[in-house]
Amino acid sequence: VQLVESGGGLVQAGASLKLSCAASRRSISEHAVGWFRQAPGQEREFVAVISRSGGNTYYTDSVKDRFTISRDYTKRTVYLQMNSLQPEDTAVYYCASRRTILTASPSVQAEWYEFWGQGTQVTVSS
């Protein structure tokens, strides 16, 4: 499965962006999909994940109530709606996926994921 992120850009603090992660194969419907980010000089960190069924979502504490992850099975795309962006949200954002059984809980650990996109830059100015 190939994953392609898009939707990044340069915005001011308080603005919104919607990232997209488009998959090359319909089998993405059998995958849990997560978003990670990496700021300069920092390690890659978990942001959000959505389960294969779409029924379970998890967020890192710093983005709860501001970011929303969702998926559209017909478009083979997972989204990350980001509201109230802050300078500390500046990073390269990556989506990642792993095929799971229907009832599996996805992981927040980067090592668990099998497929990765190339990343999209998000820059938030103060």
PDB file of N, CA and C in Angstrom:
ATOM      1  N   VAL A   1       0.851  -1.188   0.000  1.00  0.00           N
ATOM      2  CA  VAL A   1       0.000   0.000   0.000  1.00  0.00           C
ATOM      3  C   VAL A   1       0.887   1.238   0.000  1.00  0.00           C
ATOM      4  N   GLN A   2       0.604   2.128  -0.914  1.00  0.00           N
ATOM      5  CA  GLN A   2       1.309   3.416  -0.929  1.00  0.00           C
ATOM      6  C   GLN A   2       0.402   4.479  -0.337  1.00  0.00           C
ATOM      7  N   LEU A   3       0.975   5.317   0.499  1.00  0.00           N
ATOM      8  CA  LEU A   3       0.229   6.381   1.161  1.00  0.00           C
ATOM      9  C   LEU A   3       0.794   7.725   0.719  1.00  0.00           C
ATOM     10  N   VAL A   4      -0.085   8.664   0.404  1.00  0.00           N
ATOM     11  CA  VAL A   4       0.341   9.984  -0.037  1.00  0.00           C
ATOM     12  C   VAL A   4      -0.404  11.036   0.781  1.00  0.00           C
ATOM     13  N   GLU A   5       0.362  11.838   1.518  1.00  0.00           N
ATOM     14  CA  GLU A   5      -0.220  12.906   2.306  1.00  0.00           C
ATOM     15  C   GLU A   5      -0.308  14.188   1.492  1.00  0.00           C
ATOM     16  N   SER A   6      -1.280  14.996   1.838  1.00  0.00           N
ATOM     17  CA  SER A   6      -1.416  16.313   1.223  1.00  0.00           C
ATOM     18  C   SER A   6      -2.176  17.213   2.177  1.00  0.00           C
ATOM     19  N   GLY A   7      -2.163  18.506   1.882  1.00  0.00           N
ATOM     20  CA  GLY A   7      -2.946  19.447   2.666  1.00  0.00           C
ATOM     21  C   GLY A   7      -2.151  20.312   3.618  1.00  0.00           C
ATOM     22  N   GLY A   8      -0.846  20.070   3.706  1.00  0.00           N
ATOM     23  CA  GLY A   8      -0.038  20.896   4.581  1.00  0.00           C
ATOM     24  C   GLY A   8       0.137  22.295   4.027  1.00  0.00           C
ATOM     25  N   GLY A   9       0.729  23.148   4.845  1.00  0.00           N
ATOM     26  CA  GLY A   9       0.956  24.517   4.401  1.00  0.00           C
ATOM     27  C   GLY A   9       1.408  25.410   5.526  1.00  0.00           C
ATOM     28  N   LEU A  10       1.460  26.697   5.215  1.00  0.00           N
ATOM     29  CA  LEU A  10       1.861  27.719   6.186  1.00  0.00           C
ATOM     30  C   LEU A  10       0.613  28.490   6.594  1.00  0.00           C
ATOM     31  N   VAL A  11       0.322  28.492   7.899  1.00  0.00           N
ATOM     32  CA  VAL A  11      -0.844  29.206   8.409  1.00  0.00           C
ATOM     33  C   VAL A  11      -0.464  29.981   9.659  1.00  0.00           C
ATOM     34  N   GLN A  12      -1.348  30.888  10.056  1.00  0.00           N
ATOM     35  CA  GLN A  12      -1.139  31.628  11.289  1.00  0.00           C
ATOM     36  C   GLN A  12      -1.769  30.872  12.461  1.00  0.00           C
ATOM     37  N   ALA A  13      -1.300  31.183  13.644  1.00  0.00           N
ATOM     38  CA  ALA A  13      -1.849  30.563  14.842  1.00  0.00           C
ATOM     39  C   ALA A  13      -3.357  30.803  14.909  1.00  0.00           C
ATOM     40  N   GLY A  14      -4.082  29.758  15.272  1.00  0.00           N
ATOM     41  CA  GLY A  14      -5.531  29.834  15.347  1.00  0.00           C
ATOM     42  C   GLY A  14      -6.250  29.349  14.108  1.00  0.00           C
ATOM     43  N   ALA A  15      -5.504  29.163  13.036  1.00  0.00           N
ATOM     44  CA  ALA A  15      -6.117  28.724  11.782  1.00  0.00           C
ATOM     45  C   ALA A  15      -6.336  27.209  11.773  1.00  0.00           C
ATOM     46  N   SER A  16      -6.949  26.751  10.693  1.00  0.00           N
ATOM     47  CA  SER A  16      -7.233  25.321  10.527  1.00  0.00           C
ATOM     48  C   SER A  16      -6.600  24.798   9.239  1.00  0.00           C
ATOM     49  N   LEU A  17      -6.307  23.520   9.242  1.00  0.00           N
ATOM     50  CA  LEU A  17      -5.874  22.799   8.059  1.00  0.00           C
ATOM     51  C   LEU A  17      -6.492  21.414   8.094  1.00  0.00           C
ATOM     52  N   LYS A  18      -6.692  20.832   6.915  1.00  0.00           N
ATOM     53  CA  LYS A  18      -7.175  19.461   6.832  1.00  0.00           C
ATOM     54  C   LYS A  18      -6.189  18.662   6.003  1.00  0.00           C
ATOM     55  N   LEU A  19      -5.540  17.722   6.641  1.00  0.00           N
ATOM     56  CA  LEU A  19      -4.605  16.852   5.949  1.00  0.00           C
ATOM     57  C   LEU A  19      -5.341  15.640   5.396  1.00  0.00           C
ATOM     58  N   SER A  20      -4.850  15.148   4.272  1.00  0.00           N
ATOM     59  CA  SER A  20      -5.401  13.941   3.659  1.00  0.00           C
ATOM     60  C   SER A  20      -4.306  12.903   3.493  1.00  0.00           C
ATOM     61  N   CYS A  21      -4.679  11.673   3.642  1.00  0.00           N
ATOM     62  CA  CYS A  21      -3.772  10.541   3.427  1.00  0.00           C
ATOM     63  C   CYS A  21      -4.486   9.598   2.471  1.00  0.00           C
ATOM     64  N   ALA A  22      -4.062   9.613   1.224  1.00  0.00           N
ATOM     65  CA  ALA A  22      -4.711   8.810   0.195  1.00  0.00           C
ATOM     66  C   ALA A  22      -3.935   7.524  -0.030  1.00  0.00           C
ATOM     67  N   ALA A  23      -4.664   6.418  -0.089  1.00  0.00           N
ATOM     68  CA  ALA A  23      -4.038   5.103  -0.257  1.00  0.00           C
ATOM     69  C   ALA A  23      -4.193   4.613  -1.687  1.00  0.00           C
ATOM     70  N   SER A  24      -3.226   3.824  -2.109  1.00  0.00           N
ATOM     71  CA  SER A  24      -3.203   3.354  -3.493  1.00  0.00           C
ATOM     72  C   SER A  24      -4.093   2.139  -3.730  1.00  0.00           C
ATOM     73  N   ARG A  25      -4.452   1.455  -2.652  1.00  0.00           N
ATOM     74  CA  ARG A  25      -5.206   0.216  -2.798  1.00  0.00           C
ATOM     75  C   ARG A  25      -6.465   0.206  -1.922  1.00  0.00           C
ATOM     76  N   ARG A  26      -7.480  -0.516  -2.394  1.00  0.00           N
ATOM     77  CA  ARG A  26      -8.708  -0.617  -1.599  1.00  0.00           C
ATOM     78  C   ARG A  26      -8.490  -1.370  -0.305  1.00  0.00           C
ATOM     79  N   SER A  27      -7.388  -2.120  -0.238  1.00  0.00           N
ATOM     80  CA  SER A  27      -7.118  -2.891   0.970  1.00  0.00           C
ATOM     81  C   SER A  27      -6.857  -1.998   2.168  1.00  0.00           C
ATOM     82  N   ILE A  28      -6.721  -0.708   1.934  1.00  0.00           N
ATOM     83  CA  ILE A  28      -6.559   0.224   3.060  1.00  0.00           C
ATOM     84  C   ILE A  28      -7.744   0.131   4.003  1.00  0.00           C
ATOM     85  N   SER A  29      -8.875  -0.347   3.496  1.00  0.00           N
ATOM     86  CA  SER A  29     -10.051  -0.504   4.344  1.00  0.00           C
ATOM     87  C   SER A  29      -9.832  -1.546   5.435  1.00  0.00           C
ATOM     88  N   GLU A  30      -8.812  -2.364   5.293  1.00  0.00           N
ATOM     89  CA  GLU A  30      -8.488  -3.382   6.285  1.00  0.00           C
ATOM     90  C   GLU A  30      -7.354  -2.936   7.202  1.00  0.00           C
ATOM     91  N   HIS A  31      -6.990  -1.675   7.106  1.00  0.00           N
ATOM     92  CA  HIS A  31      -5.865  -1.143   7.877  1.00  0.00           C
ATOM     93  C   HIS A  31      -6.317  -0.145   8.937  1.00  0.00           C
ATOM     94  N   ALA A  32      -5.626  -0.165  10.063  1.00  0.00           N
ATOM     95  CA  ALA A  32      -5.667   0.971  10.964  1.00  0.00           C
ATOM     96  C   ALA A  32      -4.726   2.028  10.388  1.00  0.00           C
ATOM     97  N   VAL A  33      -5.078   3.287  10.550  1.00  0.00           N
ATOM     98  CA  VAL A  33      -4.263   4.369   9.980  1.00  0.00           C
ATOM     99  C   VAL A  33      -3.999   5.420  11.057  1.00  0.00           C
ATOM    100  N   GLY A  34      -2.742   5.785  11.173  1.00  0.00           N
ATOM    101  CA  GLY A  34      -2.351   6.766  12.162  1.00  0.00           C
ATOM    102  C   GLY A  34      -1.667   7.964  11.545  1.00  0.00           C
ATOM    103  N   TRP A  35      -1.650   9.042  12.307  1.00  0.00           N
ATOM    104  CA  TRP A  35      -0.894  10.237  11.954  1.00  0.00           C
ATOM    105  C   TRP A  35       0.203  10.450  12.997  1.00  0.00           C
ATOM    106  N   PHE A  36       1.383  10.759  12.499  1.00  0.00           N
ATOM    107  CA  PHE A  36       2.525  11.075  13.334  1.00  0.00           C
ATOM    108  C   PHE A  36       3.091  12.410  12.859  1.00  0.00           C
ATOM    109  N   ARG A  37       3.912  13.021  13.695  1.00  0.00           N
ATOM    110  CA  ARG A  37       4.571  14.244  13.269  1.00  0.00           C
ATOM    111  C   ARG A  37       5.992  14.275  13.826  1.00  0.00           C
ATOM    112  N   GLN A  38       6.818  15.017  13.118  1.00  0.00           N
ATOM    113  CA  GLN A  38       8.215  15.159  13.536  1.00  0.00           C
ATOM    114  C   GLN A  38       8.654  16.591  13.312  1.00  0.00           C
ATOM    115  N   ALA A  39       9.004  17.237  14.399  1.00  0.00           N
ATOM    116  CA  ALA A  39       9.523  18.600  14.343  1.00  0.00           C
ATOM    117  C   ALA A  39      11.041  18.538  14.222  1.00  0.00           C
ATOM    118  N   PRO A  40      11.665  19.601  13.721  1.00  0.00           N
ATOM    119  CA  PRO A  40      13.119  19.604  13.566  1.00  0.00           C
ATOM    120  C   PRO A  40      13.829  19.309  14.877  1.00  0.00           C
ATOM    121  N   GLY A  41      14.753  18.362  14.836  1.00  0.00           N
ATOM    122  CA  GLY A  41      15.531  18.031  16.008  1.00  0.00           C
ATOM    123  C   GLY A  41      14.815  17.203  17.045  1.00  0.00           C
ATOM    124  N   GLN A  42      13.589  16.784  16.727  1.00  0.00           N
ATOM    125  CA  GLN A  42      12.818  16.001  17.680  1.00  0.00           C
ATOM    126  C   GLN A  42      12.467  14.636  17.103  1.00  0.00           C
ATOM    127  N   GLU A  43      12.088  13.735  17.969  1.00  0.00           N
ATOM    128  CA  GLU A  43      11.692  12.411  17.531  1.00  0.00           C
ATOM    129  C   GLU A  43      10.269  12.456  16.978  1.00  0.00           C
ATOM    130  N   ARG A  44       9.989  11.473  16.149  1.00  0.00           N
ATOM    131  CA  ARG A  44       8.641  11.362  15.599  1.00  0.00           C
ATOM    132  C   ARG A  44       7.676  11.024  16.734  1.00  0.00           C
ATOM    133  N   GLU A  45       6.535  11.695  16.762  1.00  0.00           N
ATOM    134  CA  GLU A  45       5.576  11.456  17.830  1.00  0.00           C
ATOM    135  C   GLU A  45       4.199  11.136  17.276  1.00  0.00           C
ATOM    136  N   PHE A  46       3.483  10.344  18.028  1.00  0.00           N
ATOM    137  CA  PHE A  46       2.124   9.958  17.677  1.00  0.00           C
ATOM    138  C   PHE A  46       1.190  11.151  17.808  1.00  0.00           C
ATOM    139  N   VAL A  47       0.245  11.265  16.870  1.00  0.00           N
ATOM    140  CA  VAL A  47      -0.745  12.336  16.914  1.00  0.00           C
ATOM    141  C   VAL A  47      -2.149  11.750  17.080  1.00  0.00           C
ATOM    142  N   ALA A  48      -2.535  10.860  16.175  1.00  0.00           N
ATOM    143  CA  ALA A  48      -3.889  10.309  16.199  1.00  0.00           C
ATOM    144  C   ALA A  48      -3.917   9.010  15.402  1.00  0.00           C
ATOM    145  N   VAL A  49      -4.917   8.187  15.696  1.00  0.00           N
ATOM    146  CA  VAL A  49      -5.085   6.944  14.954  1.00  0.00           C
ATOM    147  C   VAL A  49      -6.564   6.606  14.882  1.00  0.00           C
ATOM    148  N   ILE A  50      -6.929   5.942  13.804  1.00  0.00           N
ATOM    149  CA  ILE A  50      -8.293   5.457  13.632  1.00  0.00           C
ATOM    150  C   ILE A  50      -8.235   3.969  13.304  1.00  0.00           C
ATOM    151  N   SER A  51      -9.100   3.216  13.924  1.00  0.00           N
ATOM    152  CA  SER A  51      -9.086   1.777  13.744  1.00  0.00           C
ATOM    153  C   SER A  51      -9.586   1.375  12.366  1.00  0.00           C
ATOM    154  N   ARG A  52      -9.402   0.123  12.058  1.00  0.00           N
ATOM    155  CA  ARG A  52      -9.868  -0.408  10.776  1.00  0.00           C
ATOM    156  C   ARG A  52     -11.360  -0.151  10.577  1.00  0.00           C
ATOM    157  N   SER A  53     -12.144  -0.357  11.606  1.00  0.00           N
ATOM    158  CA  SER A  53     -13.596  -0.181  11.501  1.00  0.00           C
ATOM    159  C   SER A  53     -14.020   1.278  11.513  1.00  0.00           C
ATOM    160  N   GLY A  54     -13.096   2.137  11.968  1.00  0.00           N
ATOM    161  CA  GLY A  54     -13.446   3.550  12.117  1.00  0.00           C
ATOM    162  C   GLY A  54     -14.143   3.845  13.419  1.00  0.00           C
ATOM    163  N   GLY A  55     -14.400   2.809  14.197  1.00  0.00           N
ATOM    164  CA  GLY A  55     -15.149   2.999  15.421  1.00  0.00           C
ATOM    165  C   GLY A  55     -14.328   3.457  16.605  1.00  0.00           C
ATOM    166  N   ASN A  56     -13.026   3.333  16.490  1.00  0.00           N
ATOM    167  CA  ASN A  56     -12.153   3.747  17.590  1.00  0.00           C
ATOM    168  C   ASN A  56     -11.126   4.755  17.107  1.00  0.00           C
ATOM    169  N   THR A  57     -10.992   5.810  17.858  1.00  0.00           N
ATOM    170  CA  THR A  57      -9.982   6.827  17.569  1.00  0.00           C
ATOM    171  C   THR A  57      -9.243   7.168  18.856  1.00  0.00           C
ATOM    172  N   TYR A  58      -7.977   7.516  18.704  1.00  0.00           N
ATOM    173  CA  TYR A  58      -7.155   7.895  19.850  1.00  0.00           C
ATOM    174  C   TYR A  58      -6.313   9.108  19.455  1.00  0.00           C
ATOM    175  N   TYR A  59      -6.069   9.961  20.446  1.00  0.00           N
ATOM    176  CA  TYR A  59      -5.307  11.182  20.201  1.00  0.00           C
ATOM    177  C   TYR A  59      -4.269  11.368  21.294  1.00  0.00           C
ATOM    178  N   THR A  60      -3.175  12.000  20.925  1.00  0.00           N
ATOM    179  CA  THR A  60      -2.261  12.436  21.951  1.00  0.00           C
ATOM    180  C   THR A  60      -2.894  13.614  22.688  1.00  0.00           C
ATOM    181  N   ASP A  61      -2.557  13.758  23.953  1.00  0.00           N
ATOM    182  CA  ASP A  61      -3.238  14.743  24.790  1.00  0.00           C
ATOM    183  C   ASP A  61      -3.161  16.162  24.229  1.00  0.00           C
ATOM    184  N   SER A  62      -2.048  16.503  23.612  1.00  0.00           N
ATOM    185  CA  SER A  62      -1.848  17.885  23.173  1.00  0.00           C
ATOM    186  C   SER A  62      -2.765  18.298  22.026  1.00  0.00           C
ATOM    187  N   VAL A  63      -3.403  17.331  21.357  1.00  0.00           N
ATOM    188  CA  VAL A  63      -4.258  17.680  20.221  1.00  0.00           C
ATOM    189  C   VAL A  63      -5.727  17.346  20.464  1.00  0.00           C
ATOM    190  N   LYS A  64      -6.016  16.717  21.594  1.00  0.00           N
ATOM    191  CA  LYS A  64      -7.418  16.404  21.897  1.00  0.00           C
ATOM    192  C   LYS A  64      -8.239  17.680  21.898  1.00  0.00           C
ATOM    193  N   ASP A  65      -9.440  17.590  21.386  1.00  0.00           N
ATOM    194  CA  ASP A  65     -10.379  18.719  21.289  1.00  0.00           C
ATOM    195  C   ASP A  65      -9.995  19.725  20.216  1.00  0.00           C
ATOM    196  N   ARG A  66      -8.864  19.519  19.535  1.00  0.00           N
ATOM    197  CA  ARG A  66      -8.491  20.399  18.427  1.00  0.00           C
ATOM    198  C   ARG A  66      -8.405  19.643  17.103  1.00  0.00           C
ATOM    199  N   PHE A  67      -7.951  18.391  17.137  1.00  0.00           N
ATOM    200  CA  PHE A  67      -7.776  17.593  15.929  1.00  0.00           C
ATOM    201  C   PHE A  67      -8.832  16.487  15.881  1.00  0.00           C
ATOM    202  N   THR A  68      -9.232  16.147  14.669  1.00  0.00           N
ATOM    203  CA  THR A  68     -10.181  15.057  14.469  1.00  0.00           C
ATOM    204  C   THR A  68      -9.712  14.189  13.315  1.00  0.00           C
ATOM    205  N   ILE A  69      -9.609  12.891  13.570  1.00  0.00           N
ATOM    206  CA  ILE A  69      -9.236  11.948  12.525  1.00  0.00           C
ATOM    207  C   ILE A  69     -10.503  11.261  12.022  1.00  0.00           C
ATOM    208  N   SER A  70     -10.568  11.036  10.719  1.00  0.00           N
ATOM    209  CA  SER A  70     -11.722  10.380  10.121  1.00  0.00           C
ATOM    210  C   SER A  70     -11.269   9.650   8.868  1.00  0.00           C
ATOM    211  N   ARG A  71     -12.157   8.828   8.329  1.00  0.00           N
ATOM    212  CA  ARG A  71     -11.781   8.108   7.117  1.00  0.00           C
ATOM    213  C   ARG A  71     -12.989   7.972   6.203  1.00  0.00           C
ATOM    214  N   ASP A  72     -12.694   7.954   4.907  1.00  0.00           N
ATOM    215  CA  ASP A  72     -13.707   7.770   3.867  1.00  0.00           C
ATOM    216  C   ASP A  72     -13.301   6.523   3.088  1.00  0.00           C
ATOM    217  N   TYR A  73     -14.027   5.427   3.278  1.00  0.00           N
ATOM    218  CA  TYR A  73     -13.642   4.168   2.659  1.00  0.00           C
ATOM    219  C   TYR A  73     -13.797   4.223   1.140  1.00  0.00           C
ATOM    220  N   THR A  74     -14.785   4.936   0.652  1.00  0.00           N
ATOM    221  CA  THR A  74     -14.993   4.986  -0.796  1.00  0.00           C
ATOM    222  C   THR A  74     -13.870   5.746  -1.492  1.00  0.00           C
ATOM    223  N   LYS A  75     -13.269   6.708  -0.798  1.00  0.00           N
ATOM    224  CA  LYS A  75     -12.167   7.477  -1.379  1.00  0.00           C
ATOM    225  C   LYS A  75     -10.809   6.933  -0.961  1.00  0.00           C
ATOM    226  N   ARG A  76     -10.799   5.900  -0.143  1.00  0.00           N
ATOM    227  CA  ARG A  76      -9.533   5.303   0.336  1.00  0.00           C
ATOM    228  C   ARG A  76      -8.658   6.380   0.977  1.00  0.00           C
ATOM    229  N   THR A  77      -9.262   7.242   1.751  1.00  0.00           N
ATOM    230  CA  THR A  77      -8.561   8.389   2.312  1.00  0.00           C
ATOM    231  C   THR A  77      -8.864   8.542   3.797  1.00  0.00           C
ATOM    232  N   VAL A  78      -7.834   8.896   4.544  1.00  0.00           N
ATOM    233  CA  VAL A  78      -7.956   9.233   5.958  1.00  0.00           C
ATOM    234  C   VAL A  78      -7.603  10.706   6.113  1.00  0.00           C
ATOM    235  N   TYR A  79      -8.379  11.388   6.930  1.00  0.00           N
ATOM    236  CA  TYR A  79      -8.215  12.823   7.111  1.00  0.00           C
ATOM    237  C   TYR A  79      -7.778  13.152   8.532  1.00  0.00           C
ATOM    238  N   LEU A  80      -7.108  14.294   8.652  1.00  0.00           N
ATOM    239  CA  LEU A  80      -6.806  14.854   9.956  1.00  0.00           C
ATOM    240  C   LEU A  80      -7.205  16.323   9.911  1.00  0.00           C
ATOM    241  N   GLN A  81      -8.341  16.617  10.518  1.00  0.00           N
ATOM    242  CA  GLN A  81      -8.795  18.000  10.627  1.00  0.00           C
ATOM    243  C   GLN A  81      -8.108  18.631  11.818  1.00  0.00           C
ATOM    244  N   MET A  82      -7.401  19.718  11.566  1.00  0.00           N
ATOM    245  CA  MET A  82      -6.631  20.377  12.619  1.00  0.00           C
ATOM    246  C   MET A  82      -7.164  21.795  12.810  1.00  0.00           C
ATOM    247  N   ASN A  83      -7.704  22.058  13.971  1.00  0.00           N
ATOM    248  CA  ASN A  83      -8.226  23.378  14.305  1.00  0.00           C
ATOM    249  C   ASN A  83      -7.388  24.034  15.380  1.00  0.00           C
ATOM    250  N   SER A  84      -7.528  25.325  15.499  1.00  0.00           N
ATOM    251  CA  SER A  84      -6.811  26.088  16.536  1.00  0.00           C
ATOM    252  C   SER A  84      -5.326  25.745  16.541  1.00  0.00           C
ATOM    253  N   LEU A  85      -4.732  25.780  15.385  1.00  0.00           N
ATOM    254  CA  LEU A  85      -3.319  25.412  15.272  1.00  0.00           C
ATOM    255  C   LEU A  85      -2.433  26.378  16.034  1.00  0.00           C
ATOM    256  N   GLN A  86      -1.385  25.832  16.619  1.00  0.00           N
ATOM    257  CA  GLN A  86      -0.434  26.598  17.405  1.00  0.00           C
ATOM    258  C   GLN A  86       0.969  26.397  16.847  1.00  0.00           C
ATOM    259  N   PRO A  87       1.880  27.313  17.125  1.00  0.00           N
ATOM    260  CA  PRO A  87       3.254  27.152  16.615  1.00  0.00           C
ATOM    261  C   PRO A  87       3.874  25.805  16.984  1.00  0.00           C
ATOM    262  N   GLU A  88       3.516  25.274  18.124  1.00  0.00           N
ATOM    263  CA  GLU A  88       4.092  23.985  18.535  1.00  0.00           C
ATOM    264  C   GLU A  88       3.566  22.813  17.718  1.00  0.00           C
ATOM    265  N   ASP A  89       2.578  23.059  16.875  1.00  0.00           N
ATOM    266  CA  ASP A  89       2.099  22.029  15.959  1.00  0.00           C
ATOM    267  C   ASP A  89       2.947  21.953  14.686  1.00  0.00           C
ATOM    268  N   THR A  90       3.879  22.866  14.542  1.00  0.00           N
ATOM    269  CA  THR A  90       4.736  22.878  13.363  1.00  0.00           C
ATOM    270  C   THR A  90       5.566  21.604  13.298  1.00  0.00           C
ATOM    271  N   ALA A  91       5.468  20.905  12.172  1.00  0.00           N
ATOM    272  CA  ALA A  91       6.172  19.634  11.998  1.00  0.00           C
ATOM    273  C   ALA A  91       5.880  19.092  10.607  1.00  0.00           C
ATOM    274  N   VAL A  92       6.611  18.051  10.254  1.00  0.00           N
ATOM    275  CA  VAL A  92       6.234  17.245   9.102  1.00  0.00           C
ATOM    276  C   VAL A  92       5.265  16.177   9.606  1.00  0.00           C
ATOM    277  N   TYR A  93       4.126  16.085   8.956  1.00  0.00           N
ATOM    278  CA  TYR A  93       3.092  15.135   9.358  1.00  0.00           C
ATOM    279  C   TYR A  93       3.105  13.938   8.421  1.00  0.00           C
ATOM    280  N   TYR A  94       3.111  12.758   9.013  1.00  0.00           N
ATOM    281  CA  TYR A  94       3.139  11.513   8.273  1.00  0.00           C
ATOM    282  C   TYR A  94       1.904  10.679   8.596  1.00  0.00           C
ATOM    283  N   CYS A  95       1.382  10.003   7.589  1.00  0.00           N
ATOM    284  CA  CYS A  95       0.386   8.979   7.882  1.00  0.00           C
ATOM    285  C   CYS A  95       1.046   7.608   7.732  1.00  0.00           C
ATOM    286  N   ALA A  96       0.500   6.660   8.452  1.00  0.00           N
ATOM    287  CA  ALA A  96       1.050   5.318   8.475  1.00  0.00           C
ATOM    288  C   ALA A  96      -0.088   4.323   8.654  1.00  0.00           C
ATOM    289  N   SER A  97       0.117   3.115   8.176  1.00  0.00           N
ATOM    290  CA  SER A  97      -0.964   2.123   8.274  1.00  0.00           C
ATOM    291  C   SER A  97      -0.419   0.730   8.534  1.00  0.00           C
ATOM    292  N   ARG A  98      -1.334  -0.099   9.016  1.00  0.00           N
ATOM    293  CA  ARG A  98      -1.030  -1.508   9.222  1.00  0.00           C
ATOM    294  C   ARG A  98      -2.337  -2.281   9.120  1.00  0.00           C
ATOM    295  N   ARG A  99      -2.274  -3.387   8.403  1.00  0.00           N
ATOM    296  CA  ARG A  99      -3.456  -4.255   8.304  1.00  0.00           C
ATOM    297  C   ARG A  99      -3.715  -4.908   9.646  1.00  0.00           C
ATOM    298  N   THR A 100      -4.972  -4.912  10.064  1.00  0.00           N
ATOM    299  CA  THR A 100      -5.331  -5.500  11.345  1.00  0.00           C
ATOM    300  C   THR A 100      -6.599  -6.340  11.200  1.00  0.00           C
ATOM    301  N   ILE A 101      -6.868  -7.134  12.217  1.00  0.00           N
ATOM    302  CA  ILE A 101      -8.162  -7.796  12.257  1.00  0.00           C
ATOM    303  C   ILE A 101      -9.196  -6.758  12.669  1.00  0.00           C
ATOM    304  N   LEU A 102     -10.448  -7.069  12.415  1.00  0.00           N
ATOM    305  CA  LEU A 102     -11.493  -6.068  12.568  1.00  0.00           C
ATOM    306  C   LEU A 102     -11.578  -5.521  13.984  1.00  0.00           C
ATOM    307  N   THR A 103     -11.345  -6.359  14.968  1.00  0.00           N
ATOM    308  CA  THR A 103     -11.542  -5.944  16.355  1.00  0.00           C
ATOM    309  C   THR A 103     -10.269  -5.456  17.036  1.00  0.00           C
ATOM    310  N   ALA A 104      -9.189  -5.383  16.312  1.00  0.00           N
ATOM    311  CA  ALA A 104      -7.913  -5.021  16.930  1.00  0.00           C
ATOM    312  C   ALA A 104      -7.878  -3.547  17.304  1.00  0.00           C
ATOM    313  N   SER A 105      -7.221  -3.272  18.414  1.00  0.00           N
ATOM    314  CA  SER A 105      -6.974  -1.886  18.816  1.00  0.00           C
ATOM    315  C   SER A 105      -5.647  -1.443  18.217  1.00  0.00           C
ATOM    316  N   PRO A 106      -5.626  -0.341  17.505  1.00  0.00           N
ATOM    317  CA  PRO A 106      -4.365   0.088  16.892  1.00  0.00           C
ATOM    318  C   PRO A 106      -3.381   0.620  17.919  1.00  0.00           C
ATOM    319  N   SER A 107      -2.121   0.651  17.519  1.00  0.00           N
ATOM    320  CA  SER A 107      -1.058   1.077  18.416  1.00  0.00           C
ATOM    321  C   SER A 107      -0.727   2.544  18.218  1.00  0.00           C
ATOM    322  N   VAL A 108      -0.136   3.133  19.252  1.00  0.00           N
ATOM    323  CA  VAL A 108       0.370   4.495  19.147  1.00  0.00           C
ATOM    324  C   VAL A 108       1.880   4.492  18.915  1.00  0.00           C
ATOM    325  N   GLN A 109       2.458   3.304  18.793  1.00  0.00           N
ATOM    326  CA  GLN A 109       3.895   3.179  18.592  1.00  0.00           C
ATOM    327  C   GLN A 109       4.220   3.160  17.103  1.00  0.00           C
ATOM    328  N   ALA A 110       5.144   3.971  16.675  1.00  0.00           N
ATOM    329  CA  ALA A 110       5.504   4.061  15.266  1.00  0.00           C
ATOM    330  C   ALA A 110       6.004   2.719  14.726  1.00  0.00           C
ATOM    331  N   GLU A 111       6.676   1.947  15.571  1.00  0.00           N
ATOM    332  CA  GLU A 111       7.273   0.685  15.122  1.00  0.00           C
ATOM    333  C   GLU A 111       6.216  -0.328  14.707  1.00  0.00           C
ATOM    334  N   TRP A 112       4.995  -0.148  15.157  1.00  0.00           N
ATOM    335  CA  TRP A 112       3.927  -1.100  14.858  1.00  0.00           C
ATOM    336  C   TRP A 112       3.435  -0.991  13.415  1.00  0.00           C
ATOM    337  N   TYR A 113       3.633   0.176  12.798  1.00  0.00           N
ATOM    338  CA  TYR A 113       3.066   0.447  11.485  1.00  0.00           C
ATOM    339  C   TYR A 113       3.965  -0.100  10.362  1.00  0.00           C
ATOM    340  N   GLU A 114       3.319  -0.526   9.297  1.00  0.00           N
ATOM    341  CA  GLU A 114       4.037  -1.166   8.183  1.00  0.00           C
ATOM    342  C   GLU A 114       4.286  -0.215   7.018  1.00  0.00           C
ATOM    343  N   PHE A 115       3.341   0.642   6.760  1.00  0.00           N
ATOM    344  CA  PHE A 115       3.429   1.490   5.565  1.00  0.00           C
ATOM    345  C   PHE A 115       3.428   2.958   5.993  1.00  0.00           C
ATOM    346  N   TRP A 116       4.217   3.751   5.296  1.00  0.00           N
ATOM    347  CA  TRP A 116       4.361   5.169   5.629  1.00  0.00           C
ATOM    348  C   TRP A 116       4.297   6.016   4.365  1.00  0.00           C
ATOM    349  N   GLY A 117       3.736   7.205   4.548  1.00  0.00           N
ATOM    350  CA  GLY A 117       3.778   8.186   3.477  1.00  0.00           C
ATOM    351  C   GLY A 117       5.058   9.002   3.550  1.00  0.00           C
ATOM    352  N   GLN A 118       5.178   9.947   2.637  1.00  0.00           N
ATOM    353  CA  GLN A 118       6.407  10.736   2.540  1.00  0.00           C
ATOM    354  C   GLN A 118       6.361  11.981   3.419  1.00  0.00           C
ATOM    355  N   GLY A 119       5.196  12.321   3.912  1.00  0.00           N
ATOM    356  CA  GLY A 119       5.062  13.460   4.814  1.00  0.00           C
ATOM    357  C   GLY A 119       4.611  14.738   4.122  1.00  0.00           C
ATOM    358  N   THR A 120       3.973  15.597   4.903  1.00  0.00           N
ATOM    359  CA  THR A 120       3.568  16.915   4.425  1.00  0.00           C
ATOM    360  C   THR A 120       3.892  17.930   5.513  1.00  0.00           C
ATOM    361  N   GLN A 121       4.445  19.062   5.102  1.00  0.00           N
ATOM    362  CA  GLN A 121       4.908  20.065   6.063  1.00  0.00           C
ATOM    363  C   GLN A 121       3.750  20.937   6.527  1.00  0.00           C
ATOM    364  N   VAL A 122       3.673  21.111   7.833  1.00  0.00           N
ATOM    365  CA  VAL A 122       2.734  22.062   8.441  1.00  0.00           C
ATOM    366  C   VAL A 122       3.547  23.063   9.234  1.00  0.00           C
ATOM    367  N   THR A 123       3.370  24.329   8.912  1.00  0.00           N
ATOM    368  CA  THR A 123       4.084  25.394   9.603  1.00  0.00           C
ATOM    369  C   THR A 123       3.069  26.389  10.133  1.00  0.00           C
ATOM    370  N   VAL A 124       3.138  26.646  11.428  1.00  0.00           N
ATOM    371  CA  VAL A 124       2.204  27.563  12.071  1.00  0.00           C
ATOM    372  C   VAL A 124       3.005  28.744  12.619  1.00  0.00           C
ATOM    373  N   SER A 125       2.700  29.918  12.130  1.00  0.00           N
ATOM    374  CA  SER A 125       3.402  31.111  12.586  1.00  0.00           C
ATOM    375  C   SER A 125       2.625  31.786  13.717  1.00  0.00           C
ATOM    376  N   SER A 126       3.359  32.448  14.586  1.00  0.00           N
ATOM    377  CA  SER A 126       2.718  33.104  15.739  1.00  0.00           C
ATOM    378  C   SER A 126       2.308  34.526  15.416  1.00  0.00           C
TER     379      SER A 126
END
